[in-house]
Amino acid sequence: MERVSVAFVEPLYEINVGYVARCMKNFGLSKLVLVKPRCSVGGEAYKFAA
């Protein structure tokens, strides 16, 4: 599945970015593309991705 990318368009909250990253990892996906994010991606996203 290395050719599969997930595009997350205009995420509002970084917690959602973390949740999407966690779900992707559970399914063996690793390429997340943020399109026009409306939030910063920092500690909160990383906390919920783990």
C-alpha atoms as a PDB file:
ATOM      1  CA  MET A   1       0.000   0.000   0.000  1.00  0.00           C
ATOM      2  CA  GLU A   2       2.985   2.304  -0.327  1.00  0.00           C
ATOM      3  CA  ARG A   3       1.386   4.013  -3.345  1.00  0.00           C
ATOM      4  CA  VAL A   4      -1.726   5.052  -1.403  1.00  0.00           C
ATOM      5  CA  SER A   5      -1.954   8.595  -0.045  1.00  0.00           C
ATOM      6  CA  VAL A   6      -4.633  10.094   2.170  1.00  0.00           C
ATOM      7  CA  ALA A   7      -5.594  13.721   1.534  1.00  0.00           C
ATOM      8  CA  PHE A   8      -7.124  15.588   4.460  1.00  0.00           C
ATOM      9  CA  VAL A   9      -8.704  18.796   3.149  1.00  0.00           C
ATOM     10  CA  GLU A  10      -8.966  21.869   5.376  1.00  0.00           C
ATOM     11  CA  PRO A  11      -8.743  20.215   8.789  1.00  0.00           C
ATOM     12  CA  LEU A  12     -10.029  22.582  11.477  1.00  0.00           C
ATOM     13  CA  TYR A  13      -8.559  20.959  14.585  1.00  0.00           C
ATOM     14  CA  GLU A  14      -5.164  19.392  15.044  1.00  0.00           C
ATOM     15  CA  ILE A  15      -6.702  16.635  17.188  1.00  0.00           C
ATOM     16  CA  ASN A  16      -8.435  15.388  14.030  1.00  0.00           C
ATOM     17  CA  VAL A  17      -5.114  15.263  12.205  1.00  0.00           C
ATOM     18  CA  GLY A  18      -3.831  13.045  15.014  1.00  0.00           C
ATOM     19  CA  TYR A  19      -6.850  10.746  14.818  1.00  0.00           C
ATOM     20  CA  VAL A  20      -6.474  10.377  11.052  1.00  0.00           C
ATOM     21  CA  ALA A  21      -2.771   9.585  11.439  1.00  0.00           C
ATOM     22  CA  ARG A  22      -3.563   6.917  14.050  1.00  0.00           C
ATOM     23  CA  CYS A  23      -6.204   5.297  11.826  1.00  0.00           C
ATOM     24  CA  MET A  24      -3.813   5.331   8.886  1.00  0.00           C
ATOM     25  CA  LYS A  25      -1.140   3.561  10.927  1.00  0.00           C
ATOM     26  CA  ASN A  26      -3.647   0.883  11.956  1.00  0.00           C
ATOM     27  CA  PHE A  27      -4.275   0.156   8.269  1.00  0.00           C
ATOM     28  CA  GLY A  28      -0.615   0.264   7.249  1.00  0.00           C
ATOM     29  CA  LEU A  29      -0.746   3.648   5.506  1.00  0.00           C
ATOM     30  CA  SER A  30       1.956   6.252   5.998  1.00  0.00           C
ATOM     31  CA  LYS A  31       1.513   9.137   3.540  1.00  0.00           C
ATOM     32  CA  LEU A  32      -0.800  11.893   4.791  1.00  0.00           C
ATOM     33  CA  VAL A  33      -1.212  15.037   2.709  1.00  0.00           C
ATOM     34  CA  LEU A  34      -2.763  18.087   4.367  1.00  0.00           C
ATOM     35  CA  VAL A  35      -4.512  20.378   1.894  1.00  0.00           C
ATOM     36  CA  LYS A  36      -5.054  23.954   3.086  1.00  0.00           C
ATOM     37  CA  PRO A  37      -4.954  23.111   6.800  1.00  0.00           C
ATOM     38  CA  ARG A  38      -6.852  25.572   8.972  1.00  0.00           C
ATOM     39  CA  CYS A  39      -4.924  24.587  12.084  1.00  0.00           C
ATOM     40  CA  SER A  40      -1.334  24.133  13.111  1.00  0.00           C
ATOM     41  CA  VAL A  41       0.047  20.641  13.553  1.00  0.00           C
ATOM     42  CA  GLY A  42       1.914  20.275  16.798  1.00  0.00           C
ATOM     43  CA  GLY A  43       1.876  18.542  20.142  1.00  0.00           C
ATOM     44  CA  GLU A  44      -1.878  17.941  20.261  1.00  0.00           C
ATOM     45  CA  ALA A  45      -1.848  16.103  16.918  1.00  0.00           C
ATOM     46  CA  TYR A  46       1.166  14.015  17.914  1.00  0.00           C
ATOM     47  CA  LYS A  47      -0.416  13.124  21.258  1.00  0.00           C
ATOM     48  CA  PHE A  48      -3.552  11.702  19.628  1.00  0.00           C
ATOM     49  CA  ALA A  49      -1.607   9.987  16.848  1.00  0.00           C
ATOM     50  CA  ALA A  50       0.375   7.883  19.328  1.00  0.00           C
END
